Protein backbone atom coordinates (compact mmCIF):
# COMPACT_ATOMS: atom_id res chain seq x y z
CA ALA A 1 -1.76 -6.19 -8.10
CA LEU A 2 0.39 -7.68 -5.29
CA ASP A 3 3.53 -7.00 -7.35
CA SER A 4 6.27 -6.29 -4.80
CA ARG A 5 8.97 -5.55 -7.39
CA GLY A 6 6.64 -3.24 -9.32
CA PHE A 7 5.68 -1.45 -6.10
CA TYR A 8 9.29 -0.90 -5.08
CA ARG A 9 10.30 0.12 -8.61
CA LYS A 10 7.53 2.77 -8.73
CA VAL A 11 8.44 4.17 -5.29
CA ALA A 12 12.09 4.42 -6.38
CA GLU A 13 11.16 5.93 -9.76
CA LEU A 14 9.12 8.66 -8.04
CA GLU A 15 11.79 9.06 -5.32
CA ASN A 16 8.99 8.49 -2.80
CA ARG A 17 7.65 11.99 -3.45
CA ASN A 18 4.28 10.85 -2.09
CA ASN A 19 6.00 10.20 1.26
CA ILE A 20 4.81 6.61 1.58
CA CYS A 21 5.63 5.55 5.11
CA SER A 22 6.74 2.01 5.91
CA VAL A 23 7.86 1.20 2.35
CA THR A 24 9.89 -1.81 3.53
CA SER A 25 6.97 -3.15 5.61
CA ILE A 26 4.57 -2.78 2.69
CA TYR A 27 7.10 -4.43 0.33
CA THR A 28 7.51 -7.38 2.73
CA LEU A 29 3.75 -7.82 3.16
CA VAL A 30 3.12 -7.68 -0.60
CA THR A 31 5.93 -10.21 -1.17
CA LEU A 32 4.32 -12.61 1.32
CA LEU A 33 0.87 -12.14 -0.24
CA GLU A 34 1.86 -12.63 -3.90
CA GLY A 35 -0.40 -15.25 -5.44
CA SER A 36 -3.28 -14.34 -3.13
CA LYS A 37 -6.53 -12.61 -3.99
CA GLY A 38 -7.61 -9.54 -2.07
CA VAL A 39 -10.80 -7.63 -1.38
CA MET A 40 -10.86 -4.08 -0.05
CA LEU A 41 -13.38 -3.90 2.79
CA ALA A 42 -13.08 -0.19 3.57
CA TYR A 43 -10.95 2.85 2.73
CA ASP A 44 -10.77 6.32 4.27
CA GLN A 45 -8.43 9.25 4.79
CA ALA A 46 -7.56 11.40 7.77
CA VAL A 47 -6.85 14.93 6.59
CA ASP A 48 -4.91 17.57 8.53
CA GLU A 49 -6.16 20.83 7.06
CA GLU A 50 -3.60 22.96 8.91
CA GLY A 51 -0.62 20.82 7.94
CA ALA A 52 -1.91 20.20 4.42
CA SER A 53 -1.30 16.47 4.79
CA ALA A 54 -3.36 13.31 4.72
CA VAL A 55 -3.02 9.66 5.68
CA GLY A 56 -4.92 6.96 3.85
CA PHE A 57 -5.87 3.69 5.51
CA ALA A 58 -7.73 0.59 4.43
CA ALA A 59 -9.06 -2.73 5.66
CA LEU A 60 -8.42 -5.65 3.32
CA ASN A 61 -9.08 -9.38 3.30
CA PHE A 62 -6.62 -11.69 1.50
CA PHE A 63 -7.21 -15.34 0.65
CA GLN A 64 -5.65 -18.16 -1.40
CA GLY A 65 -7.27 -19.72 -4.43
CA GLU A 66 -10.09 -18.70 -6.72
């Protein structure tokens, strides 16, 4: 949704229990991109079975206008 305030509010509400890394970097990027349109090009996860953790990553394309 490119809603920086909503993103930050939700992270604070959940006390970052999902362990989102780089919250301030994501917030800054979303703030700069507000008003843009985005398309997700790819999404995947790297899962560490032994550590019971995962990292998600995506490739996105953002553009101005319709």
